[in-house]
Amino acid sequence: MTKQAKARSSRANEKRSDTALLIIDVINDLDFPGGEKVLPWALRMVDRLGPFAARMRRAGVPVIYVNDNFGYWRSNFSDIYKHCTRPGIRGRDVARALKPVPDDYFILKPKHSAFFATSLVPLLEHLGTKKLILAGIATNLCIFFSAHDAHMHEYKLTVLSDCCAAESDEDHDLALSQLQRFLRVRVCRSDELKLTAKRKRSSAKRPPPSK
């Protein structure tokens, strides 16, 4: 198949949707101060986020990965994925478990927010998206900043409490409470979010890690 034919086929598979799932920074080496504390939460997050993303795909909801470029300005998704899944890399198991499927979207970002200096807004406009579901790493950093920018763009927001990870419960819970209090963000568990055929959703808290 020629490149032009592949491009036409890809465009034909795009579905406009009022809702999109943003998965933020899960293709991650976790090689930063505190990354070792994020890892246990991230591994538990995988068990919920993986099936939830699959459910969104079946419902026709676009899944958009927005990921840090780790300062590699000549990189693309393939490079980032290879970097984060090398043997011995702390975030390897998380990245491998949550690897995007071919029909997902992938955007690289240079800073914390999924919106800052990225093509996310034009993509959402192209898809007709007005409502965003946020998940990923870390609740109090990239999720938090992305939610603030999404609020500025007047998207209706839901954050999945059991599909986000941070260094501690305190960091996680404080970020979620701030988003609820000041931005009126809906916070709920992935199993509480109901989608109808027209892709609707619903609303709260993450369970503690099992000992």
N, C-alpha and C. Protein backbone atom coordinates (compact mmCIF):
# COMPACT_ATOMS: atom_id res chain seq x y z
N MET A 1 0.85 -1.20 0.00
CA MET A 1 0.00 0.00 0.00
C MET A 1 0.88 1.25 0.00
N THR A 2 0.55 2.20 -0.86
CA THR A 2 1.34 3.43 -0.94
C THR A 2 1.11 4.29 0.30
N LYS A 3 2.00 5.28 0.51
CA LYS A 3 1.84 6.18 1.64
C LYS A 3 0.54 6.96 1.54
N GLN A 4 0.18 7.38 0.30
CA GLN A 4 -1.06 8.12 0.11
C GLN A 4 -2.27 7.26 0.46
N ALA A 5 -2.23 5.99 0.06
CA ALA A 5 -3.35 5.08 0.36
C ALA A 5 -3.45 4.83 1.86
N LYS A 6 -2.30 4.69 2.52
CA LYS A 6 -2.30 4.50 3.97
C LYS A 6 -2.89 5.72 4.67
N ALA A 7 -2.53 6.89 4.17
CA ALA A 7 -3.04 8.13 4.78
C ALA A 7 -4.55 8.23 4.61
N ARG A 8 -5.04 7.87 3.41
CA ARG A 8 -6.49 7.90 3.18
C ARG A 8 -7.20 6.90 4.07
N SER A 9 -6.59 5.71 4.22
CA SER A 9 -7.18 4.68 5.08
C SER A 9 -7.22 5.14 6.52
N SER A 10 -6.13 5.80 6.96
CA SER A 10 -6.07 6.30 8.34
C SER A 10 -7.15 7.35 8.58
N ARG A 11 -7.32 8.28 7.63
CA ARG A 11 -8.36 9.32 7.78
C ARG A 11 -9.75 8.70 7.79
N ALA A 12 -9.93 7.64 7.00
CA ALA A 12 -11.25 6.99 6.94
C ALA A 12 -11.60 6.35 8.27
N ASN A 13 -10.57 5.91 9.03
CA ASN A 13 -10.82 5.26 10.31
C ASN A 13 -11.04 6.24 11.44
N GLU A 14 -10.84 7.55 11.21
CA GLU A 14 -11.02 8.53 12.26
C GLU A 14 -12.51 8.75 12.50
N LYS A 15 -12.88 8.74 13.78
CA LYS A 15 -14.27 8.95 14.16
C LYS A 15 -14.37 10.22 14.97
N ARG A 16 -15.27 11.10 14.59
CA ARG A 16 -15.51 12.29 15.39
C ARG A 16 -16.22 11.88 16.67
N SER A 17 -15.83 12.50 17.77
CA SER A 17 -16.39 12.12 19.06
C SER A 17 -16.39 13.32 19.99
N ASP A 18 -17.47 13.48 20.76
CA ASP A 18 -17.50 14.60 21.69
C ASP A 18 -16.65 14.33 22.92
N THR A 19 -16.16 13.09 23.06
CA THR A 19 -15.36 12.69 24.21
C THR A 19 -14.04 12.08 23.74
N ALA A 20 -12.96 12.36 24.46
CA ALA A 20 -11.67 11.73 24.18
C ALA A 20 -10.99 11.37 25.49
N LEU A 21 -10.22 10.31 25.46
CA LEU A 21 -9.42 9.90 26.61
C LEU A 21 -7.98 10.36 26.40
N LEU A 22 -7.47 11.20 27.32
CA LEU A 22 -6.07 11.62 27.28
C LEU A 22 -5.27 10.77 28.26
N ILE A 23 -4.29 10.06 27.77
CA ILE A 23 -3.40 9.26 28.62
C ILE A 23 -2.04 9.96 28.63
N ILE A 24 -1.67 10.46 29.79
CA ILE A 24 -0.55 11.39 29.88
C ILE A 24 0.67 10.74 30.53
N ASP A 25 1.78 10.76 29.82
CA ASP A 25 3.10 10.39 30.35
C ASP A 25 3.21 8.97 30.90
N VAL A 26 2.46 8.02 30.34
CA VAL A 26 2.63 6.64 30.82
C VAL A 26 3.77 5.93 30.09
N ILE A 27 4.18 6.44 28.93
CA ILE A 27 5.40 5.92 28.28
C ILE A 27 6.54 6.71 28.90
N ASN A 28 7.06 6.18 29.99
CA ASN A 28 7.87 6.98 30.90
C ASN A 28 8.99 6.11 31.47
N ASP A 29 10.22 6.62 31.47
CA ASP A 29 11.30 5.85 32.07
C ASP A 29 11.29 5.92 33.60
N LEU A 30 10.52 6.86 34.17
CA LEU A 30 10.46 7.08 35.62
C LEU A 30 11.84 7.33 36.22
N ASP A 31 12.73 7.85 35.38
CA ASP A 31 14.10 8.11 35.83
C ASP A 31 14.21 9.57 36.28
N PHE A 32 13.58 9.85 37.42
CA PHE A 32 13.64 11.19 37.99
C PHE A 32 13.54 11.05 39.51
N PRO A 33 13.95 12.07 40.26
CA PRO A 33 13.86 11.97 41.71
C PRO A 33 12.42 11.71 42.15
N GLY A 34 12.20 10.66 42.88
CA GLY A 34 10.86 10.28 43.28
C GLY A 34 10.22 9.26 42.37
N GLY A 35 10.86 8.95 41.24
CA GLY A 35 10.30 7.97 40.31
C GLY A 35 10.13 6.60 40.93
N GLU A 36 11.01 6.26 41.86
CA GLU A 36 10.90 4.96 42.52
C GLU A 36 9.64 4.89 43.40
N LYS A 37 9.17 6.06 43.86
CA LYS A 37 7.94 6.08 44.66
C LYS A 37 6.70 6.03 43.77
N VAL A 38 6.81 6.56 42.57
CA VAL A 38 5.68 6.53 41.64
C VAL A 38 5.45 5.11 41.12
N LEU A 39 6.52 4.33 40.95
CA LEU A 39 6.44 3.03 40.29
C LEU A 39 5.37 2.10 40.87
N PRO A 40 5.30 1.88 42.21
CA PRO A 40 4.27 0.96 42.71
C PRO A 40 2.85 1.40 42.36
N TRP A 41 2.61 2.70 42.43
CA TRP A 41 1.29 3.22 42.07
C TRP A 41 1.03 3.05 40.57
N ALA A 42 2.06 3.30 39.77
CA ALA A 42 1.91 3.19 38.31
C ALA A 42 1.60 1.75 37.90
N LEU A 43 2.23 0.79 38.55
CA LEU A 43 1.98 -0.61 38.23
C LEU A 43 0.54 -1.00 38.56
N ARG A 44 0.01 -0.47 39.65
CA ARG A 44 -1.39 -0.73 40.00
C ARG A 44 -2.33 -0.01 39.04
N MET A 45 -1.93 1.19 38.62
CA MET A 45 -2.71 1.96 37.66
C MET A 45 -2.91 1.18 36.35
N VAL A 46 -1.88 0.46 35.93
CA VAL A 46 -1.93 -0.31 34.68
C VAL A 46 -3.11 -1.26 34.67
N ASP A 47 -3.37 -1.92 35.81
CA ASP A 47 -4.42 -2.93 35.88
C ASP A 47 -5.80 -2.33 35.60
N ARG A 48 -5.96 -1.03 35.85
CA ARG A 48 -7.26 -0.39 35.63
C ARG A 48 -7.29 0.39 34.31
N LEU A 49 -6.18 1.08 34.01
CA LEU A 49 -6.15 1.93 32.83
C LEU A 49 -6.14 1.11 31.54
N GLY A 50 -5.42 -0.01 31.54
CA GLY A 50 -5.39 -0.84 30.33
C GLY A 50 -6.77 -1.28 29.89
N PRO A 51 -7.55 -1.92 30.78
CA PRO A 51 -8.91 -2.33 30.40
C PRO A 51 -9.83 -1.15 30.10
N PHE A 52 -9.65 -0.03 30.83
CA PHE A 52 -10.51 1.13 30.57
C PHE A 52 -10.26 1.69 29.18
N ALA A 53 -8.99 1.82 28.80
CA ALA A 53 -8.66 2.31 27.46
C ALA A 53 -9.24 1.39 26.39
N ALA A 54 -9.17 0.08 26.63
CA ALA A 54 -9.74 -0.87 25.67
C ALA A 54 -11.25 -0.67 25.55
N ARG A 55 -11.91 -0.39 26.67
CA ARG A 55 -13.36 -0.15 26.65
C ARG A 55 -13.68 1.12 25.87
N MET A 56 -12.85 2.14 26.03
CA MET A 56 -13.07 3.38 25.28
C MET A 56 -12.92 3.15 23.78
N ARG A 57 -11.93 2.37 23.40
CA ARG A 57 -11.73 2.10 21.97
C ARG A 57 -12.95 1.38 21.40
N ARG A 58 -13.47 0.40 22.14
CA ARG A 58 -14.65 -0.33 21.65
C ARG A 58 -15.86 0.59 21.52
N ALA A 59 -15.92 1.61 22.39
CA ALA A 59 -17.05 2.55 22.36
C ALA A 59 -16.87 3.64 21.31
N GLY A 60 -15.75 3.62 20.59
CA GLY A 60 -15.51 4.63 19.57
C GLY A 60 -14.95 5.93 20.11
N VAL A 61 -14.44 5.91 21.34
CA VAL A 61 -13.85 7.11 21.94
C VAL A 61 -12.37 7.18 21.57
N PRO A 62 -11.90 8.28 20.98
CA PRO A 62 -10.48 8.39 20.63
C PRO A 62 -9.60 8.33 21.87
N VAL A 63 -8.51 7.59 21.76
CA VAL A 63 -7.52 7.50 22.83
C VAL A 63 -6.27 8.26 22.37
N ILE A 64 -5.92 9.29 23.13
CA ILE A 64 -4.82 10.17 22.74
C ILE A 64 -3.72 10.10 23.80
N TYR A 65 -2.56 9.61 23.41
CA TYR A 65 -1.40 9.60 24.30
C TYR A 65 -0.67 10.93 24.14
N VAL A 66 -0.44 11.61 25.26
CA VAL A 66 0.35 12.84 25.25
C VAL A 66 1.53 12.59 26.17
N ASN A 67 2.72 12.65 25.61
CA ASN A 67 3.89 12.17 26.33
C ASN A 67 5.05 13.14 26.28
N ASP A 68 5.80 13.18 27.37
CA ASP A 68 6.99 14.01 27.43
C ASP A 68 8.01 13.55 26.39
N ASN A 69 8.76 14.50 25.85
CA ASN A 69 9.81 14.12 24.90
C ASN A 69 11.16 13.92 25.57
N PHE A 70 11.20 14.09 26.91
CA PHE A 70 12.42 13.89 27.70
C PHE A 70 13.59 14.72 27.19
N GLY A 71 13.28 15.83 26.53
CA GLY A 71 14.33 16.70 26.02
C GLY A 71 14.96 16.23 24.72
N TYR A 72 14.44 15.13 24.14
CA TYR A 72 14.97 14.63 22.86
C TYR A 72 14.19 15.28 21.73
N TRP A 73 14.66 16.39 21.24
CA TRP A 73 13.91 17.21 20.29
C TRP A 73 13.84 16.61 18.90
N ARG A 74 14.70 15.65 18.59
CA ARG A 74 14.62 14.99 17.28
C ARG A 74 13.88 13.65 17.36
N SER A 75 13.25 13.39 18.48
CA SER A 75 12.64 12.08 18.68
C SER A 75 11.22 12.02 18.11
N ASN A 76 10.72 10.79 17.97
CA ASN A 76 9.34 10.54 17.64
C ASN A 76 8.82 9.48 18.62
N PHE A 77 7.57 9.03 18.44
CA PHE A 77 7.03 8.09 19.41
C PHE A 77 7.86 6.82 19.48
N SER A 78 8.27 6.31 18.33
CA SER A 78 9.04 5.07 18.31
C SER A 78 10.32 5.21 19.14
N ASP A 79 11.00 6.36 19.00
CA ASP A 79 12.22 6.59 19.76
C ASP A 79 11.94 6.63 21.26
N ILE A 80 10.86 7.34 21.65
CA ILE A 80 10.51 7.46 23.06
C ILE A 80 10.15 6.09 23.64
N TYR A 81 9.39 5.32 22.90
CA TYR A 81 8.99 4.00 23.38
C TYR A 81 10.22 3.10 23.57
N LYS A 82 11.13 3.13 22.61
CA LYS A 82 12.35 2.32 22.73
C LYS A 82 13.17 2.76 23.94
N HIS A 83 13.26 4.07 24.14
CA HIS A 83 14.02 4.61 25.28
C HIS A 83 13.44 4.11 26.60
N CYS A 84 12.10 4.07 26.70
CA CYS A 84 11.44 3.75 27.97
C CYS A 84 11.27 2.26 28.21
N THR A 85 11.57 1.44 27.22
CA THR A 85 11.38 -0.01 27.39
C THR A 85 12.69 -0.78 27.29
N ARG A 86 13.81 -0.08 27.43
CA ARG A 86 15.09 -0.77 27.45
C ARG A 86 15.21 -1.62 28.72
N PRO A 87 15.93 -2.74 28.66
CA PRO A 87 16.14 -3.56 29.87
C PRO A 87 16.74 -2.72 30.99
N GLY A 88 16.22 -2.90 32.18
CA GLY A 88 16.75 -2.19 33.34
C GLY A 88 16.13 -0.84 33.60
N ILE A 89 15.29 -0.36 32.67
CA ILE A 89 14.64 0.95 32.86
C ILE A 89 13.48 0.80 33.86
N ARG A 90 13.39 1.72 34.81
CA ARG A 90 12.42 1.63 35.90
C ARG A 90 10.97 1.55 35.39
N GLY A 91 10.64 2.35 34.38
CA GLY A 91 9.27 2.40 33.90
C GLY A 91 8.94 1.40 32.80
N ARG A 92 9.83 0.47 32.54
CA ARG A 92 9.70 -0.44 31.40
C ARG A 92 8.38 -1.22 31.40
N ASP A 93 8.02 -1.83 32.52
CA ASP A 93 6.82 -2.67 32.57
C ASP A 93 5.55 -1.84 32.36
N VAL A 94 5.54 -0.63 32.89
CA VAL A 94 4.37 0.24 32.72
C VAL A 94 4.23 0.62 31.24
N ALA A 95 5.32 1.05 30.63
CA ALA A 95 5.28 1.47 29.23
C ALA A 95 4.87 0.32 28.31
N ARG A 96 5.41 -0.87 28.56
CA ARG A 96 5.08 -2.01 27.71
C ARG A 96 3.61 -2.41 27.86
N ALA A 97 3.09 -2.34 29.08
CA ALA A 97 1.70 -2.73 29.33
C ALA A 97 0.71 -1.75 28.71
N LEU A 98 1.10 -0.48 28.58
CA LEU A 98 0.18 0.55 28.11
C LEU A 98 0.56 1.09 26.73
N LYS A 99 1.27 0.30 25.96
CA LYS A 99 1.67 0.73 24.62
C LYS A 99 0.43 1.04 23.77
N PRO A 100 0.42 2.17 23.07
CA PRO A 100 -0.73 2.50 22.21
C PRO A 100 -0.95 1.46 21.12
N VAL A 101 -2.19 1.34 20.69
CA VAL A 101 -2.51 0.49 19.54
C VAL A 101 -2.47 1.37 18.30
N PRO A 102 -2.43 0.77 17.10
CA PRO A 102 -2.23 1.57 15.88
C PRO A 102 -3.24 2.69 15.66
N ASP A 103 -4.49 2.54 16.10
CA ASP A 103 -5.50 3.57 15.85
C ASP A 103 -5.48 4.69 16.89
N ASP A 104 -4.65 4.58 17.92
CA ASP A 104 -4.54 5.66 18.90
C ASP A 104 -3.75 6.83 18.33
N TYR A 105 -3.90 7.98 18.98
CA TYR A 105 -3.13 9.16 18.61
C TYR A 105 -1.98 9.34 19.60
N PHE A 106 -0.90 9.96 19.13
CA PHE A 106 0.25 10.18 20.01
C PHE A 106 0.84 11.56 19.75
N ILE A 107 0.95 12.34 20.81
CA ILE A 107 1.50 13.70 20.72
C ILE A 107 2.64 13.84 21.72
N LEU A 108 3.75 14.40 21.28
CA LEU A 108 4.86 14.67 22.19
C LEU A 108 4.74 16.09 22.73
N LYS A 109 5.05 16.26 24.01
CA LYS A 109 4.99 17.58 24.65
C LYS A 109 6.34 17.91 25.28
N PRO A 110 6.70 19.21 25.35
CA PRO A 110 7.98 19.60 25.91
C PRO A 110 7.94 19.93 27.40
N LYS A 111 6.73 20.17 27.93
CA LYS A 111 6.59 20.59 29.33
C LYS A 111 5.48 19.78 30.01
N HIS A 112 5.08 20.22 31.21
CA HIS A 112 4.12 19.47 32.00
C HIS A 112 2.76 19.33 31.32
N SER A 113 2.23 20.42 30.79
CA SER A 113 0.88 20.41 30.26
C SER A 113 0.79 19.72 28.90
N ALA A 114 -0.30 18.96 28.73
CA ALA A 114 -0.56 18.34 27.43
C ALA A 114 -0.87 19.37 26.36
N PHE A 115 -1.19 20.60 26.77
CA PHE A 115 -1.61 21.64 25.83
C PHE A 115 -0.48 22.59 25.43
N PHE A 116 0.52 22.72 26.27
CA PHE A 116 1.56 23.73 26.03
C PHE A 116 2.45 23.34 24.85
N ALA A 117 2.45 24.19 23.80
CA ALA A 117 3.32 24.00 22.63
C ALA A 117 3.13 22.64 21.96
N THR A 118 1.87 22.16 21.91
CA THR A 118 1.57 20.90 21.23
C THR A 118 0.43 21.11 20.23
N SER A 119 0.15 20.06 19.48
CA SER A 119 -0.94 20.10 18.49
C SER A 119 -2.24 19.54 19.05
N LEU A 120 -2.36 19.45 20.37
CA LEU A 120 -3.53 18.82 20.96
C LEU A 120 -4.82 19.55 20.63
N VAL A 121 -4.86 20.87 20.76
CA VAL A 121 -6.10 21.61 20.50
C VAL A 121 -6.57 21.42 19.06
N PRO A 122 -5.72 21.57 18.05
CA PRO A 122 -6.19 21.31 16.67
C PRO A 122 -6.71 19.89 16.47
N LEU A 123 -6.07 18.92 17.13
CA LEU A 123 -6.55 17.54 17.01
C LEU A 123 -7.94 17.40 17.63
N LEU A 124 -8.14 17.96 18.82
CA LEU A 124 -9.45 17.88 19.47
C LEU A 124 -10.52 18.59 18.66
N GLU A 125 -10.15 19.71 18.05
CA GLU A 125 -11.11 20.42 17.19
C GLU A 125 -11.46 19.56 15.97
N HIS A 126 -10.46 18.91 15.40
CA HIS A 126 -10.68 18.03 14.26
C HIS A 126 -11.62 16.88 14.61
N LEU A 127 -11.49 16.37 15.84
CA LEU A 127 -12.32 15.24 16.28
C LEU A 127 -13.69 15.68 16.79
N GLY A 128 -13.87 17.00 16.97
CA GLY A 128 -15.13 17.50 17.50
C GLY A 128 -15.30 17.26 18.99
N THR A 129 -14.19 17.19 19.71
CA THR A 129 -14.21 16.82 21.13
C THR A 129 -14.46 18.02 22.02
N LYS A 130 -15.37 17.85 22.99
CA LYS A 130 -15.69 18.88 23.97
C LYS A 130 -15.46 18.39 25.41
N LYS A 131 -15.35 17.08 25.58
CA LYS A 131 -15.23 16.49 26.92
C LYS A 131 -13.97 15.61 26.96
N LEU A 132 -13.20 15.76 28.03
CA LEU A 132 -11.95 15.03 28.16
C LEU A 132 -11.95 14.18 29.42
N ILE A 133 -11.42 12.97 29.29
CA ILE A 133 -11.15 12.08 30.42
C ILE A 133 -9.64 12.01 30.55
N LEU A 134 -9.11 12.33 31.73
CA LEU A 134 -7.67 12.39 31.94
C LEU A 134 -7.20 11.23 32.82
N ALA A 135 -6.05 10.65 32.44
CA ALA A 135 -5.43 9.58 33.21
C ALA A 135 -3.93 9.64 32.98
N GLY A 136 -3.14 9.07 33.91
CA GLY A 136 -1.71 8.98 33.68
C GLY A 136 -0.86 9.41 34.85
N ILE A 137 0.32 9.92 34.54
CA ILE A 137 1.38 10.24 35.51
C ILE A 137 1.83 11.69 35.31
N ALA A 138 2.03 12.45 36.33
CA ALA A 138 1.69 12.22 37.73
C ALA A 138 0.50 13.10 38.08
N THR A 139 -0.31 12.62 39.01
CA THR A 139 -1.55 13.32 39.35
C THR A 139 -1.33 14.78 39.68
N ASN A 140 -0.29 15.06 40.47
CA ASN A 140 -0.06 16.41 40.98
C ASN A 140 0.84 17.25 40.07
N LEU A 141 1.24 16.71 38.95
CA LEU A 141 2.10 17.46 38.03
C LEU A 141 1.46 17.53 36.64
N CYS A 142 1.74 16.57 35.79
CA CYS A 142 1.27 16.68 34.41
C CYS A 142 -0.24 16.56 34.28
N ILE A 143 -0.88 15.72 35.10
CA ILE A 143 -2.34 15.66 35.09
C ILE A 143 -2.91 16.99 35.57
N PHE A 144 -2.36 17.50 36.65
CA PHE A 144 -2.82 18.74 37.27
C PHE A 144 -2.69 19.92 36.30
N PHE A 145 -1.51 20.09 35.70
CA PHE A 145 -1.29 21.19 34.77
C PHE A 145 -2.13 21.04 33.51
N SER A 146 -2.27 19.82 33.03
CA SER A 146 -3.09 19.59 31.83
C SER A 146 -4.55 19.91 32.10
N ALA A 147 -5.02 19.54 33.29
CA ALA A 147 -6.41 19.84 33.65
C ALA A 147 -6.64 21.34 33.73
N HIS A 148 -5.69 22.08 34.28
CA HIS A 148 -5.82 23.54 34.35
C HIS A 148 -5.92 24.13 32.95
N ASP A 149 -5.05 23.69 32.04
CA ASP A 149 -5.09 24.24 30.68
C ASP A 149 -6.37 23.82 29.95
N ALA A 150 -6.82 22.58 30.18
CA ALA A 150 -8.07 22.13 29.56
C ALA A 150 -9.24 22.98 30.05
N HIS A 151 -9.21 23.33 31.33
CA HIS A 151 -10.25 24.19 31.90
C HIS A 151 -10.23 25.56 31.21
N MET A 152 -9.03 26.10 30.97
CA MET A 152 -8.91 27.39 30.28
C MET A 152 -9.50 27.32 28.87
N HIS A 153 -9.37 26.15 28.24
CA HIS A 153 -9.93 25.95 26.90
C HIS A 153 -11.41 25.56 26.94
N GLU A 154 -11.97 25.49 28.14
CA GLU A 154 -13.40 25.25 28.36
C GLU A 154 -13.85 23.85 27.95
N TYR A 155 -12.97 22.86 28.13
CA TYR A 155 -13.38 21.48 27.98
C TYR A 155 -14.03 21.01 29.28
N LYS A 156 -15.01 20.14 29.17
CA LYS A 156 -15.60 19.51 30.33
C LYS A 156 -14.70 18.35 30.74
N LEU A 157 -14.33 18.29 32.04
CA LEU A 157 -13.25 17.40 32.46
C LEU A 157 -13.71 16.32 33.44
N THR A 158 -13.15 15.12 33.24
CA THR A 158 -13.22 14.04 34.20
C THR A 158 -11.81 13.52 34.42
N VAL A 159 -11.42 13.33 35.67
CA VAL A 159 -10.13 12.71 35.99
C VAL A 159 -10.40 11.38 36.67
N LEU A 160 -9.76 10.33 36.19
CA LEU A 160 -9.94 8.99 36.75
C LEU A 160 -9.00 8.79 37.93
N SER A 161 -9.55 8.74 39.12
CA SER A 161 -8.72 8.68 40.33
C SER A 161 -7.91 7.40 40.42
N ASP A 162 -8.43 6.29 39.91
CA ASP A 162 -7.71 5.02 40.00
C ASP A 162 -6.84 4.76 38.77
N CYS A 163 -6.81 5.70 37.84
CA CYS A 163 -5.97 5.56 36.64
C CYS A 163 -4.92 6.66 36.58
N CYS A 164 -4.59 7.22 37.74
CA CYS A 164 -3.51 8.20 37.86
C CYS A 164 -2.54 7.72 38.93
N ALA A 165 -1.33 8.19 38.88
CA ALA A 165 -0.31 7.79 39.86
C ALA A 165 0.52 9.00 40.26
N ALA A 166 0.93 9.01 41.53
CA ALA A 166 1.81 10.06 42.05
C ALA A 166 2.79 9.41 43.03
N GLU A 167 3.64 10.23 43.63
CA GLU A 167 4.62 9.70 44.57
C GLU A 167 3.98 9.21 45.87
N SER A 168 2.85 9.79 46.24
CA SER A 168 2.22 9.44 47.51
C SER A 168 0.73 9.67 47.43
N ASP A 169 0.00 9.08 48.39
CA ASP A 169 -1.43 9.33 48.51
C ASP A 169 -1.70 10.81 48.75
N GLU A 170 -0.85 11.45 49.57
CA GLU A 170 -1.04 12.86 49.88
C GLU A 170 -0.98 13.71 48.62
N ASP A 171 0.04 13.49 47.80
CA ASP A 171 0.17 14.25 46.56
C ASP A 171 -1.03 14.01 45.64
N HIS A 172 -1.40 12.76 45.52
CA HIS A 172 -2.51 12.35 44.65
C HIS A 172 -3.83 12.99 45.10
N ASP A 173 -4.14 12.80 46.38
CA ASP A 173 -5.44 13.27 46.90
C ASP A 173 -5.54 14.78 46.92
N LEU A 174 -4.43 15.46 47.27
CA LEU A 174 -4.46 16.93 47.30
C LEU A 174 -4.71 17.49 45.91
N ALA A 175 -4.03 16.93 44.90
CA ALA A 175 -4.23 17.41 43.53
C ALA A 175 -5.67 17.23 43.09
N LEU A 176 -6.24 16.07 43.37
CA LEU A 176 -7.62 15.82 42.98
C LEU A 176 -8.60 16.74 43.70
N SER A 177 -8.35 16.97 44.99
CA SER A 177 -9.26 17.84 45.73
C SER A 177 -9.18 19.28 45.23
N GLN A 178 -7.99 19.72 44.84
CA GLN A 178 -7.84 21.06 44.28
C GLN A 178 -8.56 21.19 42.94
N LEU A 179 -8.47 20.17 42.12
CA LEU A 179 -9.16 20.20 40.83
C LEU A 179 -10.68 20.20 41.02
N GLN A 180 -11.16 19.44 41.98
CA GLN A 180 -12.59 19.43 42.27
C GLN A 180 -13.07 20.77 42.80
N ARG A 181 -12.29 21.31 43.74
CA ARG A 181 -12.73 22.53 44.43
C ARG A 181 -12.71 23.76 43.54
N PHE A 182 -11.62 23.93 42.78
CA PHE A 182 -11.44 25.18 42.05
C PHE A 182 -11.83 25.12 40.58
N LEU A 183 -11.77 23.93 39.98
CA LEU A 183 -12.11 23.81 38.56
C LEU A 183 -13.40 23.05 38.32
N ARG A 184 -14.00 22.53 39.39
CA ARG A 184 -15.22 21.73 39.28
C ARG A 184 -15.01 20.50 38.38
N VAL A 185 -13.81 19.93 38.46
CA VAL A 185 -13.52 18.72 37.70
C VAL A 185 -14.25 17.54 38.32
N ARG A 186 -14.82 16.72 37.50
CA ARG A 186 -15.42 15.47 38.00
C ARG A 186 -14.31 14.46 38.26
N VAL A 187 -14.26 13.91 39.44
CA VAL A 187 -13.27 12.90 39.79
C VAL A 187 -14.01 11.61 40.09
N CYS A 188 -13.61 10.55 39.43
CA CYS A 188 -14.29 9.26 39.64
C CYS A 188 -13.35 8.12 39.33
N ARG A 189 -13.74 6.93 39.78
CA ARG A 189 -13.02 5.72 39.43
C ARG A 189 -13.42 5.26 38.03
N SER A 190 -12.55 4.50 37.41
CA SER A 190 -12.83 4.05 36.04
C SER A 190 -14.05 3.15 35.98
N ASP A 191 -14.32 2.38 37.02
CA ASP A 191 -15.48 1.49 36.98
C ASP A 191 -16.78 2.21 37.32
N GLU A 192 -16.70 3.50 37.67
CA GLU A 192 -17.89 4.30 37.93
C GLU A 192 -18.31 5.12 36.72
N LEU A 193 -17.46 5.14 35.72
CA LEU A 193 -17.72 5.98 34.56
C LEU A 193 -18.53 5.19 33.54
N LYS A 194 -19.76 5.58 33.34
CA LYS A 194 -20.65 4.85 32.44
C LYS A 194 -20.72 5.54 31.08
N LEU A 195 -20.63 4.74 30.04
CA LEU A 195 -20.77 5.26 28.68
C LEU A 195 -22.00 4.66 28.03
N THR A 196 -22.84 5.51 27.46
CA THR A 196 -23.94 5.03 26.65
C THR A 196 -23.43 4.86 25.23
N ALA A 197 -24.32 4.47 24.33
CA ALA A 197 -23.92 4.35 22.93
C ALA A 197 -23.41 5.68 22.40
N LYS A 198 -23.91 6.79 23.02
CA LYS A 198 -23.48 8.11 22.59
C LYS A 198 -22.27 8.59 23.37
N ARG A 199 -21.69 7.73 24.16
CA ARG A 199 -20.47 8.01 24.90
C ARG A 199 -20.69 9.01 26.03
N LYS A 200 -21.29 8.55 27.09
CA LYS A 200 -21.50 9.39 28.26
C LYS A 200 -20.71 8.86 29.44
N ARG A 201 -20.57 9.69 30.50
CA ARG A 201 -19.79 9.25 31.62
C ARG A 201 -20.36 9.66 32.96
N SER A 202 -19.74 9.28 34.01
CA SER A 202 -20.23 9.59 35.34
C SER A 202 -19.20 9.98 36.40
N SER A 203 -19.05 9.50 38.10
CA SER A 203 -18.15 10.16 39.14
C SER A 203 -17.42 9.53 40.31
N ALA A 204 -14.66 9.51 41.81
CA ALA A 204 -14.38 9.65 43.15
C ALA A 204 -13.13 9.15 43.68
N LYS A 205 -12.68 8.00 44.05
CA LYS A 205 -11.46 7.85 44.83
C LYS A 205 -10.70 6.60 44.49
N ARG A 206 -9.44 6.67 44.72
CA ARG A 206 -8.57 5.57 44.41
C ARG A 206 -8.42 4.66 45.62
N PRO A 207 -8.42 3.34 45.42
CA PRO A 207 -8.19 2.46 46.56
C PRO A 207 -6.73 2.47 46.96
N PRO A 208 -6.42 2.19 48.23
CA PRO A 208 -5.01 2.12 48.62
C PRO A 208 -4.35 0.92 47.99
N PRO A 209 -3.01 0.94 47.82
CA PRO A 209 -2.34 -0.23 47.25
C PRO A 209 -2.44 -1.40 48.19
N SER A 210 -2.56 -2.60 47.66
CA SER A 210 -2.59 -3.78 48.51
C SER A 210 -1.23 -4.01 49.10
N LYS A 211 -1.20 -4.47 50.32
CA LYS A 211 0.08 -4.70 51.02
C LYS A 211 0.76 -5.94 50.47
